[in-house]
Structures are given as structure tokens and as C-alpha cells.
Amino acid sequence: MTWFQARLRWAVTADEGEGLRHWEESDCFFPSVDWAAAFARALAIGRARQGAHNEDTRYVEARLAAVVTLDCLGDDPGVLMGESVTIMPVEPVGFEHVFRPEEVRPPPSF
């Protein structure tokens, strides 16, 4: 099988006249037999990640809006990484702080 990378975009919208709040984008990586099957898989992944919730009196939905990109990475893509984003710290962390990532078991991303 060949590996593919898809960039998916969801529209986050609210009712009561608010409309589009923002876009959410994410990369996903998966094996597939060909481009057509990969496109179908990207759509299925995007639709499976749609959701909705109530916020006070508003109903908020995240709906798949687009498969922004779909790239064939080949049979052995090496290390797979999504696009990085910048997140501002909530609490200060000193320069001398020792990080111990090996001590925290990461949760699944989906």
C-alpha cells in the first residue's frame, strides 16, 4: 500500500445568526491502494470527526468543509509529521526547567 497525507478543513459554525466562527484544519496520514480510495478515506475520516454541542443557548457544529490537499507520500514515507502550530504558554516556564517527556504516556490524538 501507498501512504497518503490529507489536510482536512472543518467549518465551526453557531446558530442564532452567528454563522461561521472559524476553520479548523488538521493533517491525517493513512495507507491506501490508490488516489481515488485515498480521497474516499479522507472524506470518511473528516465526516467521522464532525461534531456538535450546545453552548449556553447556541448550537455549535463542526462540519467537514473541504479536503484541502491530498498527497501521495509513497511506499515508505519515513517519519510522518503534521504541520506544527504555535501555542502561547498559559504559565511561565523558566529556561532551566527540565522536561521529562518519557515520563508522560501520550493520549491518542483522535
N, C-alpha and C. Protein backbone atom coordinates (compact mmCIF):
# COMPACT_ATOMS: atom_id res chain seq x y z
N MET A 1 0.83 -1.19 0.00
CA MET A 1 0.00 0.00 0.00
C MET A 1 0.88 1.24 0.00
N THR A 2 0.30 2.31 -0.47
CA THR A 2 0.97 3.60 -0.53
C THR A 2 0.41 4.51 0.55
N TRP A 3 1.26 5.35 1.13
CA TRP A 3 0.83 6.27 2.17
C TRP A 3 0.39 7.60 1.56
N PHE A 4 -0.64 8.19 2.19
CA PHE A 4 -1.18 9.48 1.76
C PHE A 4 -1.27 10.42 2.95
N GLN A 5 -1.23 11.71 2.65
CA GLN A 5 -1.45 12.75 3.64
C GLN A 5 -2.59 13.63 3.15
N ALA A 6 -3.59 13.81 3.99
CA ALA A 6 -4.72 14.67 3.65
C ALA A 6 -4.81 15.81 4.66
N ARG A 7 -4.98 17.02 4.16
CA ARG A 7 -5.27 18.18 5.02
C ARG A 7 -6.77 18.38 4.95
N LEU A 8 -7.44 18.28 6.10
CA LEU A 8 -8.89 18.40 6.17
C LEU A 8 -9.27 19.73 6.82
N ARG A 9 -10.37 20.30 6.37
CA ARG A 9 -10.86 21.57 6.94
C ARG A 9 -12.31 21.42 7.36
N TRP A 10 -12.58 21.81 8.62
CA TRP A 10 -13.93 21.83 9.15
C TRP A 10 -14.36 23.28 9.38
N ALA A 11 -15.62 23.56 9.13
CA ALA A 11 -16.20 24.85 9.45
C ALA A 11 -16.86 24.73 10.81
N VAL A 12 -16.50 25.61 11.74
CA VAL A 12 -17.12 25.63 13.06
C VAL A 12 -18.13 26.78 13.04
N THR A 13 -19.40 26.42 13.13
CA THR A 13 -20.48 27.39 12.99
C THR A 13 -21.40 27.35 14.21
N ALA A 14 -22.10 28.46 14.43
CA ALA A 14 -23.08 28.55 15.52
C ALA A 14 -24.39 29.08 14.95
N ASP A 15 -25.48 28.63 15.54
CA ASP A 15 -26.80 29.10 15.07
C ASP A 15 -27.13 30.47 15.65
N GLU A 16 -28.39 30.88 15.55
CA GLU A 16 -28.89 32.16 16.00
C GLU A 16 -28.19 33.34 15.31
N GLY A 17 -27.91 33.17 14.02
CA GLY A 17 -27.36 34.26 13.24
C GLY A 17 -25.86 34.46 13.34
N GLU A 18 -25.16 33.68 14.15
CA GLU A 18 -23.72 33.88 14.29
C GLU A 18 -22.97 33.37 13.07
N GLY A 19 -23.30 32.19 12.59
CA GLY A 19 -22.65 31.63 11.41
C GLY A 19 -21.25 31.12 11.69
N LEU A 20 -20.37 31.29 10.70
CA LEU A 20 -19.01 30.74 10.78
C LEU A 20 -18.21 31.42 11.88
N ARG A 21 -17.70 30.62 12.80
CA ARG A 21 -16.82 31.13 13.86
C ARG A 21 -15.37 31.08 13.41
N HIS A 22 -14.97 29.93 12.92
CA HIS A 22 -13.59 29.77 12.44
C HIS A 22 -13.47 28.44 11.70
N TRP A 23 -12.30 28.25 11.09
CA TRP A 23 -11.96 27.00 10.41
C TRP A 23 -11.02 26.21 11.30
N GLU A 24 -11.16 24.92 11.29
CA GLU A 24 -10.21 24.01 11.94
C GLU A 24 -9.58 23.17 10.84
N GLU A 25 -8.26 23.06 10.87
CA GLU A 25 -7.57 22.22 9.88
C GLU A 25 -6.68 21.22 10.58
N SER A 26 -6.57 20.05 9.97
CA SER A 26 -5.73 19.00 10.53
C SER A 26 -5.22 18.11 9.41
N ASP A 27 -4.03 17.58 9.60
CA ASP A 27 -3.46 16.62 8.66
C ASP A 27 -3.71 15.21 9.17
N CYS A 28 -3.99 14.30 8.26
CA CYS A 28 -4.10 12.89 8.64
C CYS A 28 -3.27 12.07 7.64
N PHE A 29 -2.74 10.98 8.12
CA PHE A 29 -1.86 10.11 7.35
C PHE A 29 -2.43 8.69 7.39
N PHE A 30 -2.46 8.04 6.23
CA PHE A 30 -3.03 6.70 6.17
C PHE A 30 -2.58 6.00 4.89
N PRO A 31 -2.57 4.67 4.91
CA PRO A 31 -2.26 3.92 3.70
C PRO A 31 -3.51 3.72 2.84
N SER A 32 -3.32 3.62 1.54
CA SER A 32 -4.42 3.37 0.62
C SER A 32 -3.88 2.74 -0.65
N VAL A 33 -4.77 2.11 -1.41
CA VAL A 33 -4.34 1.43 -2.64
C VAL A 33 -4.11 2.40 -3.78
N ASP A 34 -4.86 3.52 -3.83
CA ASP A 34 -4.69 4.49 -4.91
C ASP A 34 -5.29 5.83 -4.49
N TRP A 35 -5.18 6.85 -5.37
CA TRP A 35 -5.63 8.19 -5.04
C TRP A 35 -7.14 8.24 -4.81
N ALA A 36 -7.91 7.58 -5.64
CA ALA A 36 -9.37 7.60 -5.51
C ALA A 36 -9.81 7.01 -4.16
N ALA A 37 -9.22 5.90 -3.79
CA ALA A 37 -9.54 5.29 -2.50
C ALA A 37 -9.07 6.17 -1.35
N ALA A 38 -7.94 6.84 -1.53
CA ALA A 38 -7.43 7.75 -0.50
C ALA A 38 -8.37 8.94 -0.32
N PHE A 39 -8.90 9.46 -1.41
CA PHE A 39 -9.84 10.57 -1.32
C PHE A 39 -11.11 10.15 -0.57
N ALA A 40 -11.61 8.97 -0.88
CA ALA A 40 -12.78 8.45 -0.18
C ALA A 40 -12.48 8.27 1.31
N ARG A 41 -11.28 7.80 1.62
CA ARG A 41 -10.89 7.61 3.03
C ARG A 41 -10.77 8.96 3.74
N ALA A 42 -10.20 9.95 3.08
CA ALA A 42 -10.08 11.28 3.68
C ALA A 42 -11.47 11.85 3.99
N LEU A 43 -12.40 11.70 3.07
CA LEU A 43 -13.76 12.16 3.31
C LEU A 43 -14.40 11.44 4.50
N ALA A 44 -14.19 10.14 4.56
CA ALA A 44 -14.76 9.35 5.66
C ALA A 44 -14.15 9.78 7.00
N ILE A 45 -12.84 10.01 7.02
CA ILE A 45 -12.18 10.47 8.25
C ILE A 45 -12.74 11.83 8.67
N GLY A 46 -12.86 12.74 7.70
CA GLY A 46 -13.37 14.07 8.00
C GLY A 46 -14.79 14.06 8.50
N ARG A 47 -15.63 13.25 7.90
CA ARG A 47 -17.03 13.17 8.33
C ARG A 47 -17.15 12.51 9.71
N ALA A 48 -16.29 11.54 9.98
CA ALA A 48 -16.33 10.87 11.28
C ALA A 48 -15.92 11.81 12.41
N ARG A 49 -15.17 12.84 12.09
CA ARG A 49 -14.70 13.79 13.10
C ARG A 49 -15.61 15.03 13.23
N GLN A 50 -16.72 15.03 12.49
CA GLN A 50 -17.68 16.11 12.65
C GLN A 50 -18.33 15.98 14.02
N GLY A 51 -18.82 17.10 14.54
CA GLY A 51 -19.47 17.03 15.84
C GLY A 51 -20.30 18.26 16.11
N ALA A 52 -21.02 18.20 17.21
CA ALA A 52 -21.87 19.32 17.60
C ALA A 52 -22.03 19.31 19.11
N HIS A 53 -22.31 20.49 19.65
CA HIS A 53 -22.56 20.63 21.08
C HIS A 53 -23.35 21.91 21.34
N ASN A 54 -23.92 22.00 22.52
CA ASN A 54 -24.64 23.19 22.94
C ASN A 54 -23.72 24.07 23.77
N GLU A 55 -23.76 25.37 23.50
CA GLU A 55 -23.05 26.37 24.29
C GLU A 55 -24.08 27.37 24.77
N ASP A 56 -24.41 27.30 26.03
CA ASP A 56 -25.48 28.15 26.57
C ASP A 56 -26.73 27.99 25.70
N THR A 57 -27.12 29.01 24.98
CA THR A 57 -28.33 28.92 24.16
C THR A 57 -28.02 28.66 22.69
N ARG A 58 -26.76 28.50 22.34
CA ARG A 58 -26.38 28.30 20.94
C ARG A 58 -26.00 26.86 20.66
N TYR A 59 -26.30 26.44 19.45
CA TYR A 59 -25.94 25.12 18.95
C TYR A 59 -24.73 25.31 18.04
N VAL A 60 -23.63 24.63 18.34
CA VAL A 60 -22.38 24.79 17.60
C VAL A 60 -22.05 23.48 16.90
N GLU A 61 -21.71 23.58 15.62
CA GLU A 61 -21.35 22.40 14.82
C GLU A 61 -19.98 22.57 14.19
N ALA A 62 -19.28 21.45 14.05
CA ALA A 62 -18.07 21.38 13.23
C ALA A 62 -18.40 20.44 12.08
N ARG A 63 -18.38 20.99 10.86
CA ARG A 63 -18.75 20.21 9.68
C ARG A 63 -17.59 20.18 8.70
N LEU A 64 -17.37 19.03 8.10
CA LEU A 64 -16.31 18.92 7.11
C LEU A 64 -16.62 19.86 5.96
N ALA A 65 -15.67 20.75 5.67
CA ALA A 65 -15.86 21.72 4.60
C ALA A 65 -15.03 21.38 3.37
N ALA A 66 -13.86 20.76 3.55
CA ALA A 66 -13.00 20.50 2.38
C ALA A 66 -11.90 19.51 2.71
N VAL A 67 -11.51 18.78 1.70
CA VAL A 67 -10.22 18.09 1.72
C VAL A 67 -9.29 19.07 1.02
N VAL A 68 -8.51 19.80 1.79
CA VAL A 68 -7.71 20.90 1.26
C VAL A 68 -6.60 20.38 0.36
N THR A 69 -5.90 19.36 0.81
CA THR A 69 -4.85 18.74 -0.01
C THR A 69 -4.90 17.23 0.20
N LEU A 70 -4.41 16.51 -0.78
CA LEU A 70 -4.27 15.06 -0.69
C LEU A 70 -2.99 14.70 -1.42
N ASP A 71 -1.99 14.26 -0.68
CA ASP A 71 -0.68 13.99 -1.24
C ASP A 71 -0.29 12.53 -1.11
N CYS A 72 0.27 12.00 -2.17
CA CYS A 72 0.83 10.65 -2.15
C CYS A 72 2.24 10.75 -1.59
N LEU A 73 2.52 10.00 -0.52
CA LEU A 73 3.83 10.04 0.13
C LEU A 73 4.72 8.87 -0.26
N GLY A 74 4.19 7.93 -1.02
CA GLY A 74 4.99 6.78 -1.44
C GLY A 74 4.83 5.59 -0.52
N ASP A 75 5.61 4.56 -0.80
CA ASP A 75 5.50 3.32 -0.04
C ASP A 75 6.17 3.39 1.33
N ASP A 76 7.19 4.22 1.47
CA ASP A 76 7.90 4.35 2.74
C ASP A 76 8.15 5.83 3.00
N PRO A 77 7.16 6.50 3.61
CA PRO A 77 7.28 7.94 3.79
C PRO A 77 8.26 8.36 4.88
N GLY A 78 8.84 7.41 5.60
CA GLY A 78 9.73 7.77 6.70
C GLY A 78 8.92 8.24 7.89
N VAL A 79 9.36 9.29 8.52
CA VAL A 79 8.66 9.85 9.68
C VAL A 79 7.50 10.70 9.20
N LEU A 80 6.33 10.45 9.75
CA LEU A 80 5.14 11.22 9.38
C LEU A 80 4.88 12.27 10.46
N MET A 81 4.80 13.54 10.04
CA MET A 81 4.53 14.62 10.98
C MET A 81 3.52 15.56 10.37
N GLY A 82 2.61 16.04 11.18
CA GLY A 82 1.66 17.05 10.74
C GLY A 82 2.29 18.44 10.83
N GLU A 83 1.58 19.41 10.30
CA GLU A 83 2.05 20.79 10.37
C GLU A 83 2.03 21.25 11.81
N SER A 84 3.07 21.96 12.22
CA SER A 84 3.10 22.44 13.60
C SER A 84 2.39 23.78 13.71
N VAL A 85 1.88 24.04 14.91
CA VAL A 85 1.22 25.31 15.19
C VAL A 85 1.88 25.93 16.41
N THR A 86 1.78 27.23 16.57
CA THR A 86 2.33 27.93 17.72
C THR A 86 1.24 28.13 18.76
N ILE A 87 1.52 27.73 19.99
CA ILE A 87 0.58 27.89 21.10
C ILE A 87 1.28 28.70 22.18
N MET A 88 0.70 29.79 22.55
CA MET A 88 1.30 30.66 23.57
C MET A 88 1.14 30.01 24.95
N PRO A 89 2.17 30.12 25.81
CA PRO A 89 2.08 29.49 27.14
C PRO A 89 1.07 30.20 28.03
N VAL A 90 0.43 29.39 28.88
CA VAL A 90 -0.52 29.92 29.85
C VAL A 90 0.22 30.30 31.13
N GLU A 91 1.22 29.50 31.48
CA GLU A 91 2.02 29.74 32.68
C GLU A 91 3.48 29.89 32.27
N PRO A 92 4.25 30.70 33.00
CA PRO A 92 5.66 30.85 32.65
C PRO A 92 6.45 29.57 32.93
N VAL A 93 7.42 29.31 32.10
CA VAL A 93 8.33 28.17 32.26
C VAL A 93 9.74 28.71 32.16
N GLY A 94 10.54 28.50 33.20
CA GLY A 94 11.90 29.03 33.23
C GLY A 94 12.82 28.32 32.26
N PHE A 95 13.90 29.00 31.90
CA PHE A 95 14.89 28.44 30.97
C PHE A 95 15.50 27.16 31.51
N GLU A 96 15.67 27.07 32.82
CA GLU A 96 16.31 25.90 33.45
C GLU A 96 15.37 24.71 33.65
N HIS A 97 14.11 24.88 33.34
CA HIS A 97 13.13 23.79 33.53
C HIS A 97 13.59 22.54 32.78
N VAL A 98 13.51 21.40 33.45
CA VAL A 98 13.87 20.13 32.83
C VAL A 98 12.60 19.43 32.39
N PHE A 99 12.50 19.19 31.10
CA PHE A 99 11.34 18.48 30.55
C PHE A 99 11.61 16.99 30.59
N ARG A 100 10.60 16.21 30.93
CA ARG A 100 10.72 14.75 31.02
C ARG A 100 9.61 14.08 30.22
N PRO A 101 9.66 14.19 28.90
CA PRO A 101 8.57 13.62 28.08
C PRO A 101 8.44 12.11 28.21
N GLU A 102 9.52 11.45 28.57
CA GLU A 102 9.47 10.00 28.71
C GLU A 102 8.64 9.55 29.90
N GLU A 103 8.30 10.47 30.80
CA GLU A 103 7.53 10.13 31.99
C GLU A 103 6.02 10.29 31.82
N VAL A 104 5.60 10.78 30.67
CA VAL A 104 4.18 11.00 30.44
C VAL A 104 3.73 10.18 29.23
N ARG A 105 2.80 9.29 29.44
CA ARG A 105 2.29 8.49 28.34
C ARG A 105 1.31 9.34 27.51
N PRO A 106 1.59 9.52 26.23
CA PRO A 106 0.73 10.38 25.43
C PRO A 106 -0.61 9.73 25.14
N PRO A 107 -1.69 10.55 25.14
CA PRO A 107 -3.01 10.01 24.77
C PRO A 107 -3.11 9.90 23.26
N PRO A 108 -4.08 9.14 22.77
CA PRO A 108 -4.28 9.10 21.31
C PRO A 108 -4.73 10.47 20.81
N SER A 109 -4.37 10.81 19.58
CA SER A 109 -4.73 12.12 19.06
C SER A 109 -6.15 12.17 18.54
N PHE A 110 -6.80 11.05 18.33
CA PHE A 110 -8.19 11.04 17.84
C PHE A 110 -9.07 10.35 18.84
